[in-house]
Amino acid sequence: MAEAASGVHLWLVPTPVGNLGDLTYRAAEVLKQADAVACEDTRRTAHLLTHLGISRPLVRLDAHTMSRAERTFGQYPKLAYVSDAGTPGISDPGSELVQVALRLGGRVEALPGATALIPALVLSGLDTARFTFEGFLPRTGRERKERLAAIAARTETSILYESPHRLHATLTELAAVCGGARLASVTRELSKKFEETRRGPLTELAQAFEGGVRGEIVVVVSGRGVGELLPGETQTDYPGLAAGWATEGRDAREIRALLQSRGLRKNDAYQLALGAVQAQDSVPARPFANAPLEES
């Protein structure tokens, strides 16, 4: 691929979340050829470059200094960016730097490499087919409550980052909104000497980490099971809902979709929807003018 007409070239370079041996050969080569290395913490990145035997100018670009980005590209058009650990742009200001580079007509490359969320998800033993990454939750307020409620209601696995001193409080809140029996895992110190993953119900995990913990932390929470009631919920009257919607004149396909959206399994929703529409009609009738309701 040809260089951008502006001459700006940004590399997003993943750095190890723990073990320095996890840095890829390509990442090391990019750090060598860049005009400069931008980073969140120059001291931490200097340690990494010294370990690799690389000497490049270092520029601090974090959430508080991103206003310098355009000026930095003017001085160092070929710029490598690293965060403190993991892949830049994930829960750090790397995405803002990408926007600046694109606005300048630059070329952006994101190298594959280290990240904490995927290893923690795999280690959790929970469903990996579908998941949502929450990053860091807001510390307080309405948005935090809304995000916690979304995790509780979600049917796919949820992944979030947390700081050591807030871990116990977050696990306790998750147990309150999801139910203490909801399965989860806590992974800390990935790829380091004291790496640990604990798995179990949220209540047990909250108790296990009540005394505090050290290290970088990833929490993985299982999705809501079929028919699982959240704290404070009552059993849903699916037949009553289906009958009510049929009385309103909704067709079977629409009723099935509504039942599924409330947590009912597909086949059960099919049977209830079809039965409700047929019961509403004076004679058994096809629920759709153009095609029958298919179970699959």
Protein backbone atom coordinates (compact mmCIF):
# COMPACT_ATOMS: atom_id res chain seq x y z
CA MET A 1 0.00 0.00 0.00
CA ALA A 2 1.34 3.42 -0.97
CA GLU A 3 2.07 6.04 1.63
CA ALA A 4 -0.62 8.64 2.27
CA ALA A 5 -0.30 11.84 0.28
CA SER A 6 0.02 13.79 3.53
CA GLY A 7 2.99 11.69 4.59
CA VAL A 8 1.31 10.87 7.91
CA HIS A 9 1.57 7.21 8.89
CA LEU A 10 0.25 5.97 12.23
CA TRP A 11 0.92 2.50 13.60
CA LEU A 12 -1.11 1.24 16.57
CA VAL A 13 1.28 -1.18 18.27
CA PRO A 14 0.00 -3.62 20.93
CA THR A 15 2.35 -4.08 23.88
CA PRO A 16 2.42 -6.95 26.39
CA VAL A 17 -0.10 -6.95 29.21
CA GLY A 18 2.52 -8.61 31.39
CA ASN A 19 5.18 -10.86 29.91
CA LEU A 20 7.52 -8.85 27.68
CA GLY A 21 8.07 -11.95 25.57
CA ASP A 22 4.57 -11.51 24.13
CA LEU A 23 5.64 -8.57 21.94
CA THR A 24 5.54 -9.65 18.29
CA TYR A 25 8.51 -9.45 15.92
CA ARG A 26 6.54 -7.12 13.64
CA ALA A 27 5.75 -4.79 16.55
CA ALA A 28 9.45 -4.51 17.37
CA GLU A 29 10.28 -3.73 13.72
CA VAL A 30 7.65 -0.98 13.58
CA LEU A 31 8.98 0.61 16.77
CA LYS A 32 12.45 0.66 15.20
CA GLN A 33 11.40 2.32 11.93
CA ALA A 34 8.99 4.94 13.30
CA ASP A 35 10.15 8.58 13.53
CA ALA A 36 9.00 8.56 17.15
CA VAL A 37 6.96 6.53 19.63
CA ALA A 38 3.92 8.19 21.21
CA CYS A 39 2.64 6.69 24.43
CA GLU A 40 0.62 7.19 27.61
CA ASP A 41 3.56 6.94 30.01
CA THR A 42 7.04 7.75 28.71
CA ARG A 43 8.76 6.05 31.67
CA ARG A 44 6.92 2.79 31.13
CA THR A 45 7.50 2.83 27.38
CA ALA A 46 11.17 3.76 27.86
CA HIS A 47 11.57 0.59 29.91
CA LEU A 48 10.05 -1.45 27.07
CA LEU A 49 12.25 0.14 24.40
CA THR A 50 15.36 -0.38 26.54
CA HIS A 51 14.43 -4.04 26.91
CA LEU A 52 14.19 -4.28 23.11
CA GLY A 53 17.40 -2.31 22.51
CA ILE A 54 15.49 0.39 20.60
CA SER A 55 16.24 4.10 20.83
CA ARG A 56 13.50 6.39 19.49
CA PRO A 57 12.16 9.80 20.58
CA LEU A 58 9.27 9.46 23.03
CA VAL A 59 6.20 11.72 23.02
CA ARG A 60 3.51 11.63 25.67
CA LEU A 61 0.00 11.48 24.17
CA ASP A 62 -2.64 10.51 26.69
CA ALA A 63 -6.17 11.62 27.54
CA HIS A 64 -4.81 14.92 28.92
CA THR A 65 -2.37 15.75 26.11
CA MET A 66 -4.15 14.55 22.95
CA SER A 67 -4.45 18.21 21.86
CA ARG A 68 -0.78 17.90 20.86
CA ALA A 69 -1.52 15.16 18.32
CA GLU A 70 -1.66 17.25 15.15
CA ARG A 71 1.48 19.12 16.11
CA THR A 72 3.19 15.79 16.86
CA PHE A 73 2.38 14.46 13.37
CA GLY A 74 3.91 17.64 11.95
CA GLN A 75 7.17 16.87 13.75
CA TYR A 76 7.07 13.06 13.43
CA PRO A 77 4.92 12.04 10.40
CA LYS A 78 5.70 8.34 10.86
CA LEU A 79 4.42 7.74 14.37
CA ALA A 80 4.02 4.52 16.38
CA TYR A 81 1.54 4.66 19.24
CA VAL A 82 1.50 2.34 22.26
CA SER A 83 -0.68 2.32 25.35
CA ASP A 84 0.54 1.23 28.77
CA ALA A 85 -0.46 -2.36 27.97
CA GLY A 86 -2.52 -4.17 25.36
CA THR A 87 -3.98 -2.88 22.11
CA PRO A 88 -4.18 0.91 21.64
CA GLY A 89 -7.70 2.21 21.14
CA ILE A 90 -9.29 -0.24 23.60
CA SER A 91 -10.14 1.62 26.83
CA ASP A 92 -7.46 4.24 26.15
CA PRO A 93 -7.14 7.39 23.98
CA GLY A 94 -5.78 5.60 20.90
CA SER A 95 -9.07 6.00 19.04
CA GLU A 96 -8.75 9.79 19.28
CA LEU A 97 -5.32 9.65 17.67
CA VAL A 98 -6.73 7.58 14.82
CA GLN A 99 -9.33 10.28 14.16
CA VAL A 100 -6.61 12.95 13.99
CA ALA A 101 -4.51 10.88 11.57
CA LEU A 102 -7.49 10.23 9.29
CA ARG A 103 -8.48 13.89 9.35
CA LEU A 104 -4.97 14.71 8.14
CA GLY A 105 -5.36 12.24 5.29
CA GLY A 106 -2.91 9.81 6.84
CA ARG A 107 -2.53 6.06 6.66
CA VAL A 108 -3.38 4.04 9.77
CA GLU A 109 -2.26 0.50 10.54
CA ALA A 110 -3.42 -1.53 13.56
CA LEU A 111 -1.09 -4.39 14.37
CA PRO A 112 -2.57 -7.56 15.90
CA GLY A 113 -1.24 -8.52 19.28
CA ALA A 114 -1.70 -8.54 23.03
CA THR A 115 -5.02 -7.74 24.69
CA ALA A 116 -6.48 -8.72 28.05
CA LEU A 117 -10.14 -9.24 27.21
CA ILE A 118 -9.85 -12.22 24.83
CA PRO A 119 -7.59 -14.41 27.02
CA ALA A 120 -9.80 -13.64 30.04
CA LEU A 121 -12.93 -14.59 28.08
CA VAL A 122 -11.41 -17.92 27.01
CA LEU A 123 -10.13 -18.64 30.52
CA SER A 124 -13.56 -17.93 32.05
CA GLY A 125 -15.06 -21.18 30.76
CA LEU A 126 -18.20 -19.24 29.83
CA ASP A 127 -19.86 -18.94 26.41
CA THR A 128 -17.53 -17.34 23.87
CA ALA A 129 -19.84 -17.43 20.83
CA ARG A 130 -21.29 -13.97 21.49
CA PHE A 131 -20.06 -11.36 23.94
CA THR A 132 -20.17 -7.64 24.72
CA PHE A 133 -17.12 -5.68 25.90
CA GLU A 134 -18.05 -3.02 28.45
CA GLY A 135 -14.57 -1.60 29.12
CA PHE A 136 -14.49 0.30 32.43
CA LEU A 137 -17.89 1.02 33.97
CA PRO A 138 -18.69 4.55 35.14
CA ARG A 139 -17.75 4.90 38.80
CA THR A 140 -21.09 6.26 40.01
CA GLY A 141 -24.41 7.66 38.87
CA ARG A 142 -27.25 6.81 36.57
CA GLU A 143 -25.09 5.59 33.69
CA ARG A 144 -23.40 3.03 35.96
CA LYS A 145 -26.79 1.70 37.08
CA GLU A 146 -27.98 1.48 33.48
CA ARG A 147 -24.86 -0.38 32.36
CA LEU A 148 -25.15 -2.85 35.26
CA ALA A 149 -28.81 -3.43 34.42
CA ALA A 150 -27.87 -4.06 30.77
CA ILE A 151 -25.32 -6.68 31.83
CA ALA A 152 -27.95 -8.38 33.98
CA ALA A 153 -30.52 -8.53 31.16
CA ARG A 154 -28.11 -9.47 28.38
CA THR A 155 -28.21 -13.05 27.10
CA GLU A 156 -24.63 -13.01 25.81
CA THR A 157 -21.45 -12.94 27.90
CA SER A 158 -20.25 -9.56 29.21
CA ILE A 159 -16.61 -8.54 29.73
CA LEU A 160 -15.42 -5.55 31.73
CA TYR A 161 -12.23 -4.11 33.14
CA GLU A 162 -11.99 -3.10 36.78
CA SER A 163 -9.46 -1.57 39.14
CA PRO A 164 -8.29 -3.50 42.23
CA HIS A 165 -9.82 -1.16 44.79
CA ARG A 166 -13.26 -1.21 43.11
CA LEU A 167 -13.45 -4.93 42.33
CA HIS A 168 -15.30 -6.03 45.46
CA ALA A 169 -17.90 -3.27 45.14
CA THR A 170 -18.51 -4.06 41.47
CA LEU A 171 -18.89 -7.80 42.09
CA THR A 172 -21.32 -7.04 44.92
CA GLU A 173 -23.39 -4.77 42.67
CA LEU A 174 -23.37 -7.34 39.88
CA ALA A 175 -24.61 -9.99 42.31
CA ALA A 176 -27.42 -7.65 43.35
CA VAL A 177 -28.65 -6.96 39.81
CA CYS A 178 -27.90 -10.32 38.16
CA GLY A 179 -28.63 -12.57 41.11
CA GLY A 180 -25.90 -14.05 43.27
CA ALA A 181 -26.00 -17.40 41.46
CA ARG A 182 -25.02 -15.91 38.07
CA LEU A 183 -21.71 -17.45 36.98
CA ALA A 184 -18.70 -15.23 36.38
CA SER A 185 -14.91 -15.19 36.47
CA VAL A 186 -12.20 -12.81 37.62
CA THR A 187 -8.83 -12.89 35.85
CA ARG A 188 -5.90 -10.83 37.07
CA GLU A 189 -2.20 -10.46 36.31
CA LEU A 190 -2.51 -12.07 32.86
CA SER A 191 0.77 -13.58 31.60
CA LYS A 192 2.57 -12.63 34.82
CA LYS A 193 4.02 -14.81 37.58
CA PHE A 194 0.94 -14.57 39.79
CA GLU A 195 -1.70 -14.91 37.08
CA GLU A 196 -4.99 -16.08 38.55
CA THR A 197 -8.49 -16.87 37.33
CA ARG A 198 -11.30 -17.55 39.78
CA ARG A 199 -14.63 -18.87 38.58
CA GLY A 200 -17.97 -19.27 40.31
CA PRO A 201 -21.22 -17.55 41.31
CA LEU A 202 -21.03 -13.77 41.73
CA THR A 203 -21.76 -13.96 45.45
CA GLU A 204 -18.82 -16.30 46.02
CA LEU A 205 -16.48 -14.17 43.93
CA ALA A 206 -17.50 -11.03 45.83
CA GLN A 207 -16.68 -12.80 49.10
CA ALA A 208 -13.38 -14.11 47.74
CA PHE A 209 -12.15 -10.62 46.86
CA GLU A 210 -13.56 -8.80 49.88
CA GLY A 211 -10.09 -8.34 51.36
CA GLY A 212 -8.70 -6.57 48.30
CA VAL A 213 -6.51 -7.66 45.43
CA ARG A 214 -3.67 -6.40 43.26
CA GLY A 215 -3.06 -6.29 39.52
CA GLU A 216 -4.94 -5.59 36.31
CA ILE A 217 -8.36 -7.22 36.37
CA VAL A 218 -10.88 -8.55 33.84
CA VAL A 219 -14.35 -9.62 34.96
CA VAL A 220 -16.42 -11.93 32.74
CA VAL A 221 -20.14 -12.42 33.48
CA SER A 222 -22.31 -15.11 31.92
CA GLY A 223 -25.42 -14.14 30.01
CA ARG A 224 -28.96 -14.38 31.32
CA GLY A 225 -30.35 -17.88 30.92
CA VAL A 226 -33.63 -18.73 29.22
CA GLY A 227 -36.44 -18.06 31.69
CA GLU A 228 -34.02 -16.76 34.33
CA LEU A 229 -35.65 -14.21 36.61
CA LEU A 230 -33.67 -11.21 37.78
CA PRO A 231 -33.98 -10.04 41.40
CA GLY A 232 -37.38 -8.38 41.84
CA GLU A 233 -38.90 -9.89 38.69
CA THR A 234 -41.95 -12.14 38.67
CA GLN A 235 -42.65 -15.01 36.31
CA THR A 236 -43.80 -13.76 32.91
CA ASP A 237 -47.31 -14.79 31.85
CA TYR A 238 -46.40 -15.70 28.27
CA PRO A 239 -49.78 -17.27 27.38
CA GLY A 240 -51.58 -14.18 28.69
CA LEU A 241 -49.33 -11.87 26.69
CA ALA A 242 -49.84 -13.92 23.52
CA ALA A 243 -53.61 -13.94 23.95
CA GLY A 244 -53.66 -10.19 24.57
CA TRP A 245 -51.62 -9.44 21.46
CA ALA A 246 -53.86 -11.73 19.37
CA THR A 247 -56.90 -9.82 20.63
CA GLU A 248 -55.22 -6.60 19.46
CA GLY A 249 -55.06 -8.08 15.96
CA ARG A 250 -51.34 -8.83 15.81
CA ASP A 251 -50.38 -11.73 13.56
CA ALA A 252 -48.54 -14.85 14.71
CA ARG A 253 -45.14 -13.84 13.36
CA GLU A 254 -45.25 -10.55 15.26
CA ILE A 255 -46.43 -12.26 18.45
CA ARG A 256 -43.65 -14.83 18.19
CA ALA A 257 -41.04 -12.08 17.85
CA LEU A 258 -42.46 -10.23 20.87
CA LEU A 259 -42.41 -13.39 23.00
CA GLN A 260 -38.81 -14.11 22.00
CA SER A 261 -37.81 -10.55 22.88
CA ARG A 262 -39.04 -11.26 26.41
CA GLY A 263 -36.86 -14.32 26.79
CA LEU A 264 -39.07 -17.17 25.57
CA ARG A 265 -37.37 -19.84 23.48
CA LYS A 266 -38.05 -19.83 19.76
CA ASN A 267 -40.03 -23.10 19.55
CA ASP A 268 -42.13 -22.27 22.61
CA ALA A 269 -42.86 -18.81 21.21
CA TYR A 270 -43.90 -20.41 17.92
CA GLN A 271 -46.39 -22.71 19.60
CA LEU A 272 -47.90 -19.98 21.78
CA ALA A 273 -48.17 -17.48 18.93
CA LEU A 274 -49.86 -19.97 16.60
CA GLY A 275 -52.25 -21.15 19.30
CA ALA A 276 -53.20 -17.61 20.35
CA VAL A 277 -54.04 -16.55 16.78
CA GLN A 278 -56.06 -19.71 16.06
CA ALA A 279 -57.97 -19.32 19.35
CA GLN A 280 -58.82 -15.73 18.43
CA ASP A 281 -60.24 -16.73 15.05
CA SER A 282 -63.71 -18.26 14.86
CA VAL A 283 -62.30 -21.00 12.61
CA PRO A 284 -58.71 -22.24 12.30
CA ALA A 285 -57.02 -19.98 9.80
CA ARG A 286 -53.61 -19.47 8.36
CA PRO A 287 -51.99 -16.73 10.44
CA PHE A 288 -50.48 -15.08 7.37
CA ALA A 289 -51.97 -14.27 4.04
CA ASN A 290 -48.89 -15.12 2.03
CA ALA A 291 -47.07 -17.88 3.93
CA PRO A 292 -47.54 -20.18 6.95
CA LEU A 293 -45.58 -19.60 10.14
CA GLU A 294 -42.49 -21.78 9.93
CA GLU A 295 -41.18 -23.36 13.11
CA SER A 296 -37.52 -23.24 12.05
